[in-house]
Amino acid sequence: MPTLALLVALLLGLAFVLVPGAVAYLAYRHPNAREPLVVGIATLAAMAAIFVPIALR
């Protein structure tokens, strides 16, 4: 696997961990909005729905 592909995979993996975590933290800081775990899982599902079809091309 080329180095560029490994770098892109690493950055996407990092994004798939950090973005839902940050959104869940925001939901945790504002408890009247929603449950933090539900928000984090929904964000992860939305990211997967966007990036997986692109990666499978």
N, C-alpha and C. Protein backbone atom coordinates (compact mmCIF):
# COMPACT_ATOMS: atom_id res chain seq x y z
N MET A 1 0.85 -1.17 0.00
CA MET A 1 0.00 0.00 0.00
C MET A 1 0.89 1.24 0.00
N PRO A 2 0.62 2.18 -0.89
CA PRO A 2 1.45 3.38 -0.95
C PRO A 2 1.33 4.21 0.34
N THR A 3 2.34 5.02 0.55
CA THR A 3 2.40 5.84 1.75
C THR A 3 1.24 6.84 1.80
N LEU A 4 0.87 7.40 0.67
CA LEU A 4 -0.23 8.35 0.64
C LEU A 4 -1.54 7.70 1.06
N ALA A 5 -1.79 6.49 0.59
CA ALA A 5 -3.01 5.78 0.98
C ALA A 5 -3.02 5.48 2.47
N LEU A 6 -1.88 5.12 3.02
CA LEU A 6 -1.80 4.88 4.46
C LEU A 6 -2.06 6.15 5.25
N LEU A 7 -1.53 7.26 4.78
CA LEU A 7 -1.75 8.53 5.45
C LEU A 7 -3.21 8.94 5.41
N VAL A 8 -3.85 8.77 4.27
CA VAL A 8 -5.27 9.09 4.15
C VAL A 8 -6.11 8.19 5.05
N ALA A 9 -5.78 6.90 5.10
CA ALA A 9 -6.50 5.97 5.98
C ALA A 9 -6.32 6.35 7.44
N LEU A 10 -5.12 6.75 7.82
CA LEU A 10 -4.86 7.17 9.19
C LEU A 10 -5.67 8.42 9.54
N LEU A 11 -5.69 9.39 8.65
CA LEU A 11 -6.42 10.63 8.91
C LEU A 11 -7.93 10.41 8.95
N LEU A 12 -8.45 9.55 8.08
CA LEU A 12 -9.88 9.25 8.12
C LEU A 12 -10.23 8.49 9.40
N GLY A 13 -9.37 7.57 9.81
CA GLY A 13 -9.60 6.86 11.06
C GLY A 13 -9.60 7.80 12.24
N LEU A 14 -8.69 8.74 12.23
CA LEU A 14 -8.63 9.74 13.30
C LEU A 14 -9.88 10.61 13.30
N ALA A 15 -10.34 10.99 12.12
CA ALA A 15 -11.55 11.81 12.02
C ALA A 15 -12.77 11.04 12.51
N PHE A 16 -12.82 9.72 12.22
CA PHE A 16 -13.96 8.91 12.65
C PHE A 16 -13.98 8.72 14.16
N VAL A 17 -12.89 9.00 14.84
CA VAL A 17 -12.86 8.92 16.30
C VAL A 17 -13.09 10.30 16.92
N LEU A 18 -12.42 11.31 16.39
CA LEU A 18 -12.46 12.63 17.01
C LEU A 18 -13.78 13.39 16.79
N VAL A 19 -14.32 13.35 15.60
CA VAL A 19 -15.51 14.15 15.31
C VAL A 19 -16.72 13.68 16.14
N PRO A 20 -17.06 12.38 16.16
CA PRO A 20 -18.18 11.97 17.03
C PRO A 20 -17.89 12.23 18.51
N GLY A 21 -16.64 12.10 18.91
CA GLY A 21 -16.30 12.39 20.30
C GLY A 21 -16.51 13.85 20.64
N ALA A 22 -16.13 14.73 19.75
CA ALA A 22 -16.32 16.16 19.98
C ALA A 22 -17.80 16.53 20.00
N VAL A 23 -18.58 15.95 19.11
CA VAL A 23 -20.01 16.24 19.08
C VAL A 23 -20.68 15.68 20.34
N ALA A 24 -20.26 14.49 20.78
CA ALA A 24 -20.82 13.92 22.00
C ALA A 24 -20.45 14.78 23.21
N TYR A 25 -19.25 15.32 23.22
CA TYR A 25 -18.85 16.21 24.31
C TYR A 25 -19.69 17.48 24.32
N LEU A 26 -19.97 18.03 23.15
CA LEU A 26 -20.84 19.20 23.09
C LEU A 26 -22.24 18.88 23.61
N ALA A 27 -22.74 17.70 23.27
CA ALA A 27 -24.05 17.30 23.78
C ALA A 27 -24.00 17.08 25.29
N TYR A 28 -22.87 16.63 25.80
CA TYR A 28 -22.71 16.43 27.24
C TYR A 28 -22.71 17.78 27.97
N ARG A 29 -22.10 18.78 27.36
CA ARG A 29 -22.03 20.10 27.99
C ARG A 29 -23.37 20.83 27.95
N HIS A 30 -24.25 20.44 27.05
CA HIS A 30 -25.58 21.03 26.95
C HIS A 30 -26.60 19.90 27.11
N PRO A 31 -26.86 19.47 28.35
CA PRO A 31 -27.65 18.26 28.57
C PRO A 31 -29.11 18.36 28.14
N ASN A 32 -29.65 19.54 27.99
CA ASN A 32 -31.05 19.62 27.56
C ASN A 32 -31.20 19.40 26.06
N ALA A 33 -30.10 19.27 25.34
CA ALA A 33 -30.19 19.04 23.90
C ALA A 33 -30.56 17.59 23.60
N ARG A 34 -29.67 16.65 23.87
CA ARG A 34 -29.89 15.23 23.62
C ARG A 34 -28.93 14.42 24.48
N GLU A 35 -29.10 13.10 24.42
CA GLU A 35 -28.18 12.19 25.10
C GLU A 35 -26.85 12.17 24.34
N PRO A 36 -25.73 12.32 25.03
CA PRO A 36 -24.43 12.38 24.34
C PRO A 36 -24.07 11.12 23.54
N LEU A 37 -24.39 9.94 24.07
CA LEU A 37 -24.05 8.71 23.36
C LEU A 37 -24.84 8.60 22.06
N VAL A 38 -26.11 8.95 22.11
CA VAL A 38 -26.96 8.89 20.91
C VAL A 38 -26.45 9.87 19.86
N VAL A 39 -26.06 11.05 20.29
CA VAL A 39 -25.56 12.06 19.36
C VAL A 39 -24.25 11.58 18.73
N GLY A 40 -23.35 11.00 19.53
CA GLY A 40 -22.09 10.50 19.00
C GLY A 40 -22.28 9.38 18.00
N ILE A 41 -23.18 8.45 18.31
CA ILE A 41 -23.45 7.34 17.39
C ILE A 41 -24.11 7.84 16.11
N ALA A 42 -25.01 8.80 16.24
CA ALA A 42 -25.66 9.36 15.04
C ALA A 42 -24.65 10.08 14.16
N THR A 43 -23.71 10.79 14.77
CA THR A 43 -22.67 11.47 13.99
C THR A 43 -21.79 10.46 13.28
N LEU A 44 -21.42 9.39 13.97
CA LEU A 44 -20.61 8.34 13.36
C LEU A 44 -21.35 7.69 12.20
N ALA A 45 -22.64 7.44 12.36
CA ALA A 45 -23.43 6.84 11.29
C ALA A 45 -23.53 7.78 10.08
N ALA A 46 -23.69 9.06 10.35
CA ALA A 46 -23.77 10.03 9.24
C ALA A 46 -22.44 10.11 8.49
N MET A 47 -21.33 10.10 9.24
CA MET A 47 -20.02 10.14 8.58
C MET A 47 -19.80 8.88 7.76
N ALA A 48 -20.21 7.73 8.29
CA ALA A 48 -20.05 6.48 7.55
C ALA A 48 -20.91 6.49 6.29
N ALA A 49 -22.10 7.04 6.38
CA ALA A 49 -22.98 7.11 5.21
C ALA A 49 -22.40 7.99 4.12
N ILE A 50 -21.59 8.96 4.50
CA ILE A 50 -20.99 9.85 3.52
C ILE A 50 -19.70 9.27 2.96
N PHE A 51 -18.81 8.77 3.83
CA PHE A 51 -17.48 8.38 3.40
C PHE A 51 -17.35 6.97 2.85
N VAL A 52 -18.16 6.04 3.29
CA VAL A 52 -18.03 4.66 2.81
C VAL A 52 -18.32 4.54 1.31
N PRO A 53 -19.39 5.14 0.79
CA PRO A 53 -19.59 5.05 -0.67
C PRO A 53 -18.44 5.70 -1.47
N ILE A 54 -17.84 6.75 -0.91
CA ILE A 54 -16.73 7.39 -1.59
C ILE A 54 -15.52 6.46 -1.59
N ALA A 55 -15.28 5.79 -0.47
CA ALA A 55 -14.13 4.90 -0.36
C ALA A 55 -14.28 3.65 -1.21
N LEU A 56 -15.51 3.22 -1.47
CA LEU A 56 -15.72 2.01 -2.25
C LEU A 56 -15.65 2.23 -3.75
N ARG A 57 -15.50 3.45 -4.19
CA ARG A 57 -15.39 3.73 -5.62
C ARG A 57 -14.12 3.20 -6.20
